[in-house]
Amino acid sequence: MKREKFKVWSPEEAEECDAGTYEVLFGPGQAAEEWAARDDAESADYRIVSGDEAVVHVRSGSGMLTRWRVSGETVAAYHAAELGATDAE
C-alpha cells in the first residue's frame, strides 16, 4: 500500500493550513484521527477523549479539501508483566 500525505488543521483553534502534515495509509479520515491524537497529547487536557468534538480541515496532496468531525473515547487498558516463578500457592 502507498502512504499519502495530508495537511490537517483546525480553524476552531486558529491553526493555519500548514499546522500539521500526516502520512497515512488509509486516507483523510485516518489523517484527521492522527491530528486528534496529537492535539490531545500535546495539550495534555485530552478534551477530545473526554467527550468534546473538533472539526478539522483535511487537504490531500491533490488539493482536495474535506471537513471532518473528530471525537474520541476513553478505553480501559490492562497489562500484565510476569514477576517470576514462586513456590506460593
PDB file of N, CA and C in Angstrom:
ATOM      1  N   MET A   1       0.837  -1.188   0.000  1.00  0.00           N
ATOM      2  CA  MET A   1       0.000   0.000   0.000  1.00  0.00           C
ATOM      3  C   MET A   1       0.880   1.247   0.000  1.00  0.00           C
ATOM      4  N   LYS A   2       0.370   2.253  -0.607  1.00  0.00           N
ATOM      5  CA  LYS A   2       1.106   3.513  -0.696  1.00  0.00           C
ATOM      6  C   LYS A   2       0.602   4.494   0.361  1.00  0.00           C
ATOM      7  N   ARG A   3       1.540   5.109   1.047  1.00  0.00           N
ATOM      8  CA  ARG A   3       1.185   6.131   2.027  1.00  0.00           C
ATOM      9  C   ARG A   3       0.930   7.447   1.296  1.00  0.00           C
ATOM     10  N   GLU A   4      -0.038   8.214   1.797  1.00  0.00           N
ATOM     11  CA  GLU A   4      -0.375   9.503   1.201  1.00  0.00           C
ATOM     12  C   GLU A   4      -0.259  10.586   2.264  1.00  0.00           C
ATOM     13  N   LYS A   5       0.168  11.768   1.853  1.00  0.00           N
ATOM     14  CA  LYS A   5       0.312  12.880   2.790  1.00  0.00           C
ATOM     15  C   LYS A   5      -0.927  13.769   2.753  1.00  0.00           C
ATOM     16  N   PHE A   6      -1.342  14.190   3.956  1.00  0.00           N
ATOM     17  CA  PHE A   6      -2.473  15.099   4.105  1.00  0.00           C
ATOM     18  C   PHE A   6      -2.078  16.229   5.048  1.00  0.00           C
ATOM     19  N   LYS A   7      -2.539  17.430   4.761  1.00  0.00           N
ATOM     20  CA  LYS A   7      -2.399  18.542   5.692  1.00  0.00           C
ATOM     21  C   LYS A   7      -3.691  18.614   6.486  1.00  0.00           C
ATOM     22  N   VAL A   8      -3.565  18.749   7.816  1.00  0.00           N
ATOM     23  CA  VAL A   8      -4.735  18.773   8.693  1.00  0.00           C
ATOM     24  C   VAL A   8      -4.612  19.963   9.625  1.00  0.00           C
ATOM     25  N   TRP A   9      -5.705  20.708   9.781  1.00  0.00           N
ATOM     26  CA  TRP A   9      -5.705  21.837  10.698  1.00  0.00           C
ATOM     27  C   TRP A   9      -7.109  22.101  11.226  1.00  0.00           C
ATOM     28  N   SER A  10      -7.157  22.819  12.350  1.00  0.00           N
ATOM     29  CA  SER A  10      -8.431  23.153  12.979  1.00  0.00           C
ATOM     30  C   SER A  10      -8.639  24.664  12.949  1.00  0.00           C
ATOM     31  N   PRO A  11      -9.547  25.150  12.108  1.00  0.00           N
ATOM     32  CA  PRO A  11      -9.855  26.578  12.119  1.00  0.00           C
ATOM     33  C   PRO A  11     -10.390  27.037  13.475  1.00  0.00           C
ATOM     34  N   GLU A  12     -11.095  26.136  14.203  1.00  0.00           N
ATOM     35  CA  GLU A  12     -11.624  26.473  15.527  1.00  0.00           C
ATOM     36  C   GLU A  12     -10.512  26.847  16.494  1.00  0.00           C
ATOM     37  N   GLU A  13      -9.334  26.260  16.290  1.00  0.00           N
ATOM     38  CA  GLU A  13      -8.187  26.532  17.155  1.00  0.00           C
ATOM     39  C   GLU A  13      -7.241  27.547  16.530  1.00  0.00           C
ATOM     40  N   ALA A  14      -7.727  28.226  15.493  1.00  0.00           N
ATOM     41  CA  ALA A  14      -6.962  29.250  14.789  1.00  0.00           C
ATOM     42  C   ALA A  14      -5.651  28.712  14.225  1.00  0.00           C
ATOM     43  N   GLU A  15      -5.662  27.434  13.830  1.00  0.00           N
ATOM     44  CA  GLU A  15      -4.486  26.851  13.195  1.00  0.00           C
ATOM     45  C   GLU A  15      -4.478  27.216  11.716  1.00  0.00           C
ATOM     46  N   GLU A  16      -3.291  27.347  11.170  1.00  0.00           N
ATOM     47  CA  GLU A  16      -3.127  27.610   9.744  1.00  0.00           C
ATOM     48  C   GLU A  16      -3.130  26.280   8.992  1.00  0.00           C
ATOM     49  N   CYS A  17      -3.295  26.337   7.685  1.00  0.00           N
ATOM     50  CA  CYS A  17      -3.409  25.115   6.891  1.00  0.00           C
ATOM     51  C   CYS A  17      -2.128  24.292   6.858  1.00  0.00           C
ATOM     52  N   ASP A  18      -1.020  24.838   7.304  1.00  0.00           N
ATOM     53  CA  ASP A  18       0.217  24.052   7.344  1.00  0.00           C
ATOM     54  C   ASP A  18       0.549  23.609   8.763  1.00  0.00           C
ATOM     55  N   ALA A  19      -0.462  23.560   9.633  1.00  0.00           N
ATOM     56  CA  ALA A  19      -0.251  23.224  11.045  1.00  0.00           C
ATOM     57  C   ALA A  19       0.300  21.818  11.233  1.00  0.00           C
ATOM     58  N   GLY A  20      -0.138  20.878  10.423  1.00  0.00           N
ATOM     59  CA  GLY A  20       0.347  19.511  10.584  1.00  0.00           C
ATOM     60  C   GLY A  20       0.212  18.711   9.314  1.00  0.00           C
ATOM     61  N   THR A  21       1.209  17.907   9.036  1.00  0.00           N
ATOM     62  CA  THR A  21       1.167  17.009   7.882  1.00  0.00           C
ATOM     63  C   THR A  21       1.263  15.585   8.395  1.00  0.00           C
ATOM     64  N   TYR A  22       0.373  14.740   7.918  1.00  0.00           N
ATOM     65  CA  TYR A  22       0.321  13.358   8.358  1.00  0.00           C
ATOM     66  C   TYR A  22       0.427  12.455   7.143  1.00  0.00           C
ATOM     67  N   GLU A  23       1.287  11.460   7.229  1.00  0.00           N
ATOM     68  CA  GLU A  23       1.451  10.492   6.152  1.00  0.00           C
ATOM     69  C   GLU A  23       0.795   9.195   6.607  1.00  0.00           C
ATOM     70  N   VAL A  24      -0.288   8.821   5.948  1.00  0.00           N
ATOM     71  CA  VAL A  24      -1.091   7.691   6.409  1.00  0.00           C
ATOM     72  C   VAL A  24      -1.419   6.749   5.251  1.00  0.00           C
ATOM     73  N   LEU A  25      -1.862   5.553   5.598  1.00  0.00           N
ATOM     74  CA  LEU A  25      -2.230   4.550   4.596  1.00  0.00           C
ATOM     75  C   LEU A  25      -3.699   4.606   4.209  1.00  0.00           C
ATOM     76  N   PHE A  26      -4.564   5.028   5.128  1.00  0.00           N
ATOM     77  CA  PHE A  26      -5.984   4.823   4.927  1.00  0.00           C
ATOM     78  C   PHE A  26      -6.788   6.096   4.706  1.00  0.00           C
ATOM     79  N   GLY A  27      -6.212   7.115   4.133  1.00  0.00           N
ATOM     80  CA  GLY A  27      -6.958   8.269   3.683  1.00  0.00           C
ATOM     81  C   GLY A  27      -7.152   9.390   4.670  1.00  0.00           C
ATOM     82  N   PRO A  28      -7.989  10.347   4.285  1.00  0.00           N
ATOM     83  CA  PRO A  28      -8.155  11.573   5.061  1.00  0.00           C
ATOM     84  C   PRO A  28      -8.763  11.369   6.447  1.00  0.00           C
ATOM     85  N   GLY A  29      -9.615  10.361   6.609  1.00  0.00           N
ATOM     86  CA  GLY A  29     -10.192  10.084   7.931  1.00  0.00           C
ATOM     87  C   GLY A  29      -9.117   9.696   8.928  1.00  0.00           C
ATOM     88  N   GLN A  30      -8.179   8.857   8.491  1.00  0.00           N
ATOM     89  CA  GLN A  30      -7.081   8.471   9.371  1.00  0.00           C
ATOM     90  C   GLN A  30      -6.204   9.673   9.696  1.00  0.00           C
ATOM     91  N   ALA A  31      -5.991  10.551   8.732  1.00  0.00           N
ATOM     92  CA  ALA A  31      -5.204  11.756   8.989  1.00  0.00           C
ATOM     93  C   ALA A  31      -5.897  12.631  10.039  1.00  0.00           C
ATOM     94  N   ALA A  32      -7.226  12.759   9.956  1.00  0.00           N
ATOM     95  CA  ALA A  32      -7.980  13.532  10.952  1.00  0.00           C
ATOM     96  C   ALA A  32      -7.854  12.895  12.332  1.00  0.00           C
ATOM     97  N   GLU A  33      -7.897  11.579  12.402  1.00  0.00           N
ATOM     98  CA  GLU A  33      -7.745  10.882  13.688  1.00  0.00           C
ATOM     99  C   GLU A  33      -6.337  11.076  14.253  1.00  0.00           C
ATOM    100  N   GLU A  34      -5.328  11.061  13.396  1.00  0.00           N
ATOM    101  CA  GLU A  34      -3.954  11.300  13.847  1.00  0.00           C
ATOM    102  C   GLU A  34      -3.816  12.723  14.407  1.00  0.00           C
ATOM    103  N   TRP A  35      -4.471  13.688  13.752  1.00  0.00           N
ATOM    104  CA  TRP A  35      -4.455  15.062  14.251  1.00  0.00           C
ATOM    105  C   TRP A  35      -5.062  15.108  15.660  1.00  0.00           C
ATOM    106  N   ALA A  36      -6.206  14.425  15.849  1.00  0.00           N
ATOM    107  CA  ALA A  36      -6.883  14.435  17.148  1.00  0.00           C
ATOM    108  C   ALA A  36      -5.991  13.838  18.235  1.00  0.00           C
ATOM    109  N   ALA A  37      -5.331  12.733  17.930  1.00  0.00           N
ATOM    110  CA  ALA A  37      -4.438  12.103  18.906  1.00  0.00           C
ATOM    111  C   ALA A  37      -3.297  13.035  19.277  1.00  0.00           C
ATOM    112  N   ARG A  38      -2.713  13.704  18.288  1.00  0.00           N
ATOM    113  CA  ARG A  38      -1.620  14.641  18.566  1.00  0.00           C
ATOM    114  C   ARG A  38      -2.117  15.844  19.365  1.00  0.00           C
ATOM    115  N   ASP A  39      -3.273  16.376  18.963  1.00  0.00           N
ATOM    116  CA  ASP A  39      -3.818  17.550  19.648  1.00  0.00           C
ATOM    117  C   ASP A  39      -4.094  17.245  21.113  1.00  0.00           C
ATOM    118  N   ASP A  40      -4.709  16.105  21.394  1.00  0.00           N
ATOM    119  CA  ASP A  40      -4.979  15.725  22.780  1.00  0.00           C
ATOM    120  C   ASP A  40      -3.682  15.535  23.563  1.00  0.00           C
ATOM    121  N   ALA A  41      -2.721  14.855  22.969  1.00  0.00           N
ATOM    122  CA  ALA A  41      -1.463  14.579  23.679  1.00  0.00           C
ATOM    123  C   ALA A  41      -0.658  15.849  23.928  1.00  0.00           C
ATOM    124  N   GLU A  42      -0.604  16.745  22.946  1.00  0.00           N
ATOM    125  CA  GLU A  42       0.195  17.964  23.111  1.00  0.00           C
ATOM    126  C   GLU A  42      -0.432  18.940  24.093  1.00  0.00           C
ATOM    127  N   SER A  43      -1.753  18.984  24.145  1.00  0.00           N
ATOM    128  CA  SER A  43      -2.406  19.920  25.060  1.00  0.00           C
ATOM    129  C   SER A  43      -2.486  19.356  26.471  1.00  0.00           C
ATOM    130  N   ALA A  44      -2.392  18.038  26.594  1.00  0.00           N
ATOM    131  CA  ALA A  44      -2.452  17.320  27.872  1.00  0.00           C
ATOM    132  C   ALA A  44      -3.772  17.518  28.609  1.00  0.00           C
ATOM    133  N   ASP A  45      -4.784  18.093  27.950  1.00  0.00           N
ATOM    134  CA  ASP A  45      -6.093  18.185  28.599  1.00  0.00           C
ATOM    135  C   ASP A  45      -7.044  17.099  28.095  1.00  0.00           C
ATOM    136  N   TYR A  46      -6.674  16.422  27.041  1.00  0.00           N
ATOM    137  CA  TYR A  46      -7.433  15.293  26.494  1.00  0.00           C
ATOM    138  C   TYR A  46      -8.918  15.612  26.346  1.00  0.00           C
ATOM    139  N   ARG A  47      -9.208  16.780  25.794  1.00  0.00           N
ATOM    140  CA  ARG A  47     -10.594  17.217  25.655  1.00  0.00           C
ATOM    141  C   ARG A  47     -11.382  16.359  24.675  1.00  0.00           C
ATOM    142  N   ILE A  48     -10.713  15.838  23.649  1.00  0.00           N
ATOM    143  CA  ILE A  48     -11.427  15.047  22.648  1.00  0.00           C
ATOM    144  C   ILE A  48     -11.844  13.702  23.232  1.00  0.00           C
ATOM    145  N   VAL A  49     -10.953  12.997  23.921  1.00  0.00           N
ATOM    146  CA  VAL A  49     -11.349  11.726  24.523  1.00  0.00           C
ATOM    147  C   VAL A  49     -12.230  11.927  25.741  1.00  0.00           C
ATOM    148  N   SER A  50     -12.330  13.162  26.223  1.00  0.00           N
ATOM    149  CA  SER A  50     -13.215  13.456  27.346  1.00  0.00           C
ATOM    150  C   SER A  50     -14.634  13.772  26.878  1.00  0.00           C
ATOM    151  N   GLY A  51     -14.858  13.772  25.574  1.00  0.00           N
ATOM    152  CA  GLY A  51     -16.214  13.971  25.077  1.00  0.00           C
ATOM    153  C   GLY A  51     -16.410  15.148  24.151  1.00  0.00           C
ATOM    154  N   ASP A  52     -15.463  16.079  24.089  1.00  0.00           N
ATOM    155  CA  ASP A  52     -15.590  17.196  23.155  1.00  0.00           C
ATOM    156  C   ASP A  52     -15.295  16.712  21.749  1.00  0.00           C
ATOM    157  N   GLU A  53     -15.867  17.375  20.782  1.00  0.00           N
ATOM    158  CA  GLU A  53     -15.579  17.086  19.386  1.00  0.00           C
ATOM    159  C   GLU A  53     -14.834  18.266  18.790  1.00  0.00           C
ATOM    160  N   ALA A  54     -14.145  18.027  17.703  1.00  0.00           N
ATOM    161  CA  ALA A  54     -13.460  19.093  16.979  1.00  0.00           C
ATOM    162  C   ALA A  54     -13.746  18.911  15.493  1.00  0.00           C
ATOM    163  N   VAL A  55     -13.724  20.002  14.767  1.00  0.00           N
ATOM    164  CA  VAL A  55     -13.867  19.950  13.310  1.00  0.00           C
ATOM    165  C   VAL A  55     -12.524  20.344  12.722  1.00  0.00           C
ATOM    166  N   VAL A  56     -12.032  19.501  11.816  1.00  0.00           N
ATOM    167  CA  VAL A  56     -10.757  19.779  11.169  1.00  0.00           C
ATOM    168  C   VAL A  56     -10.937  19.788   9.659  1.00  0.00           C
ATOM    169  N   HIS A  57     -10.047  20.507   9.002  1.00  0.00           N
ATOM    170  CA  HIS A  57      -9.987  20.503   7.546  1.00  0.00           C
ATOM    171  C   HIS A  57      -8.826  19.614   7.140  1.00  0.00           C
ATOM    172  N   VAL A  58      -9.037  18.824   6.108  1.00  0.00           N
ATOM    173  CA  VAL A  58      -8.007  17.910   5.614  1.00  0.00           C
ATOM    174  C   VAL A  58      -7.828  18.164   4.122  1.00  0.00           C
ATOM    175  N   ARG A  59      -6.578  18.464   3.734  1.00  0.00           N
ATOM    176  CA  ARG A  59      -6.277  18.682   2.315  1.00  0.00           C
ATOM    177  C   ARG A  59      -5.351  17.571   1.828  1.00  0.00           C
ATOM    178  N   SER A  60      -5.765  16.908   0.760  1.00  0.00           N
ATOM    179  CA  SER A  60      -4.948  15.835   0.185  1.00  0.00           C
ATOM    180  C   SER A  60      -3.827  16.439  -0.652  1.00  0.00           C
ATOM    181  N   GLY A  61      -2.900  15.591  -1.055  1.00  0.00           N
ATOM    182  CA  GLY A  61      -1.812  16.037  -1.905  1.00  0.00           C
ATOM    183  C   GLY A  61      -2.287  16.568  -3.249  1.00  0.00           C
ATOM    184  N   SER A  62      -3.456  16.109  -3.693  1.00  0.00           N
ATOM    185  CA  SER A  62      -4.011  16.581  -4.967  1.00  0.00           C
ATOM    186  C   SER A  62      -4.786  17.889  -4.813  1.00  0.00           C
ATOM    187  N   GLY A  63      -4.934  18.365  -3.572  1.00  0.00           N
ATOM    188  CA  GLY A  63      -5.626  19.626  -3.334  1.00  0.00           C
ATOM    189  C   GLY A  63      -7.061  19.491  -2.876  1.00  0.00           C
ATOM    190  N   MET A  64      -7.602  18.281  -2.835  1.00  0.00           N
ATOM    191  CA  MET A  64      -8.996  18.070  -2.398  1.00  0.00           C
ATOM    192  C   MET A  64      -9.135  18.423  -0.926  1.00  0.00           C
ATOM    193  N   LEU A  65     -10.092  19.283  -0.603  1.00  0.00           N
ATOM    194  CA  LEU A  65     -10.312  19.733   0.773  1.00  0.00           C
ATOM    195  C   LEU A  65     -11.609  19.140   1.304  1.00  0.00           C
ATOM    196  N   THR A  66     -11.530  18.469   2.469  1.00  0.00           N
ATOM    197  CA  THR A  66     -12.714  17.914   3.121  1.00  0.00           C
ATOM    198  C   THR A  66     -12.702  18.343   4.588  1.00  0.00           C
ATOM    199  N   ARG A  67     -13.885  18.318   5.197  1.00  0.00           N
ATOM    200  CA  ARG A  67     -14.005  18.625   6.632  1.00  0.00           C
ATOM    201  C   ARG A  67     -14.398  17.366   7.359  1.00  0.00           C
ATOM    202  N   TRP A  68     -13.855  17.220   8.593  1.00  0.00           N
ATOM    203  CA  TRP A  68     -14.111  16.023   9.399  1.00  0.00           C
ATOM    204  C   TRP A  68     -14.427  16.424  10.827  1.00  0.00           C
ATOM    205  N   ARG A  69     -15.402  15.748  11.424  1.00  0.00           N
ATOM    206  CA  ARG A  69     -15.672  15.883  12.854  1.00  0.00           C
ATOM    207  C   ARG A  69     -14.942  14.740  13.538  1.00  0.00           C
ATOM    208  N   VAL A  70     -14.078  15.073  14.508  1.00  0.00           N
ATOM    209  CA  VAL A  70     -13.340  14.032  15.215  1.00  0.00           C
ATOM    210  C   VAL A  70     -13.821  13.972  16.661  1.00  0.00           C
ATOM    211  N   SER A  71     -13.893  12.755  17.163  1.00  0.00           N
ATOM    212  CA  SER A  71     -14.274  12.521  18.548  1.00  0.00           C
ATOM    213  C   SER A  71     -13.435  11.356  19.047  1.00  0.00           C
ATOM    214  N   GLY A  72     -13.518  11.097  20.319  1.00  0.00           N
ATOM    215  CA  GLY A  72     -12.735  10.000  20.871  1.00  0.00           C
ATOM    216  C   GLY A  72     -13.450   9.385  22.051  1.00  0.00           C
ATOM    217  N   GLU A  73     -12.812   8.399  22.616  1.00  0.00           N
ATOM    218  CA  GLU A  73     -13.369   7.744  23.791  1.00  0.00           C
ATOM    219  C   GLU A  73     -12.228   7.227  24.650  1.00  0.00           C
ATOM    220  N   THR A  74     -12.488   7.182  25.919  1.00  0.00           N
ATOM    221  CA  THR A  74     -11.518   6.620  26.847  1.00  0.00           C
ATOM    222  C   THR A  74     -11.753   5.124  26.910  1.00  0.00           C
ATOM    223  N   VAL A  75     -10.715   4.361  26.730  1.00  0.00           N
ATOM    224  CA  VAL A  75     -10.811   2.909  26.736  1.00  0.00           C
ATOM    225  C   VAL A  75      -9.910   2.368  27.829  1.00  0.00           C
ATOM    226  N   ALA A  76     -10.473   1.517  28.675  1.00  0.00           N
ATOM    227  CA  ALA A  76      -9.657   0.899  29.722  1.00  0.00           C
ATOM    228  C   ALA A  76      -8.652  -0.051  29.087  1.00  0.00           C
ATOM    229  N   ALA A  77      -7.437  -0.017  29.571  1.00  0.00           N
ATOM    230  CA  ALA A  77      -6.385  -0.911  29.066  1.00  0.00           C
ATOM    231  C   ALA A  77      -5.704  -1.557  30.266  1.00  0.00           C
ATOM    232  N   TYR A  78      -5.491  -2.856  30.191  1.00  0.00           N
ATOM    233  CA  TYR A  78      -4.873  -3.590  31.279  1.00  0.00           C
ATOM    234  C   TYR A  78      -3.649  -4.306  30.755  1.00  0.00           C
ATOM    235  N   HIS A  79      -2.622  -4.404  31.588  1.00  0.00           N
ATOM    236  CA  HIS A  79      -1.376  -5.038  31.198  1.00  0.00           C
ATOM    237  C   HIS A  79      -0.905  -5.945  32.331  1.00  0.00           C
ATOM    238  N   ALA A  80      -0.272  -7.045  31.961  1.00  0.00           N
ATOM    239  CA  ALA A  80       0.302  -7.960  32.948  1.00  0.00           C
ATOM    240  C   ALA A  80       1.762  -8.145  32.623  1.00  0.00           C
ATOM    241  N   ALA A  81       2.608  -8.175  33.661  1.00  0.00           N
ATOM    242  CA  ALA A  81       4.033  -8.414  33.482  1.00  0.00           C
ATOM    243  C   ALA A  81       4.438  -9.507  34.458  1.00  0.00           C
ATOM    244  N   GLU A  82       5.070 -10.526  33.929  1.00  0.00           N
ATOM    245  CA  GLU A  82       5.486 -11.643  34.777  1.00  0.00           C
ATOM    246  C   GLU A  82       6.545 -11.166  35.774  1.00  0.00           C
ATOM    247  N   LEU A  83       6.377 -11.576  37.035  1.00  0.00           N
ATOM    248  CA  LEU A  83       7.313 -11.221  38.090  1.00  0.00           C
ATOM    249  C   LEU A  83       8.299 -12.349  38.397  1.00  0.00           C
ATOM    250  N   GLY A  84       8.046 -13.499  37.848  1.00  0.00           N
ATOM    251  CA  GLY A  84       8.930 -14.632  38.096  1.00  0.00           C
ATOM    252  C   GLY A  84       8.188 -15.763  38.773  1.00  0.00           C
ATOM    253  N   ALA A  85       8.848 -16.913  38.865  1.00  0.00           N
ATOM    254  CA  ALA A  85       8.244 -18.098  39.478  1.00  0.00           C
ATOM    255  C   ALA A  85       8.195 -17.944  40.996  1.00  0.00           C
ATOM    256  N   THR A  86       7.241 -18.647  41.604  1.00  0.00           N
ATOM    257  CA  THR A  86       7.098 -18.626  43.043  1.00  0.00           C
ATOM    258  C   THR A  86       6.645 -19.994  43.533  1.00  0.00           C
ATOM    259  N   ASP A  87       6.960 -20.299  44.794  1.00  0.00           N
ATOM    260  CA  ASP A  87       6.507 -21.541  45.386  1.00  0.00           C
ATOM    261  C   ASP A  87       5.168 -21.373  46.116  1.00  0.00           C
ATOM    262  N   ALA A  88       4.723 -20.152  46.262  1.00  0.00           N
ATOM    263  CA  ALA A  88       3.470 -19.877  46.986  1.00  0.00           C
ATOM    264  C   ALA A  88       2.294 -20.447  46.231  1.00  0.00           C
ATOM    265  N   GLU A  89       1.289 -20.874  46.988  1.00  0.00           N
ATOM    266  CA  GLU A  89       0.074 -21.393  46.367  1.00  0.00           C
ATOM    267  C   GLU A  89      -1.066 -20.476  46.558  1.00  0.00           C
TER     268      GLU A  89
END
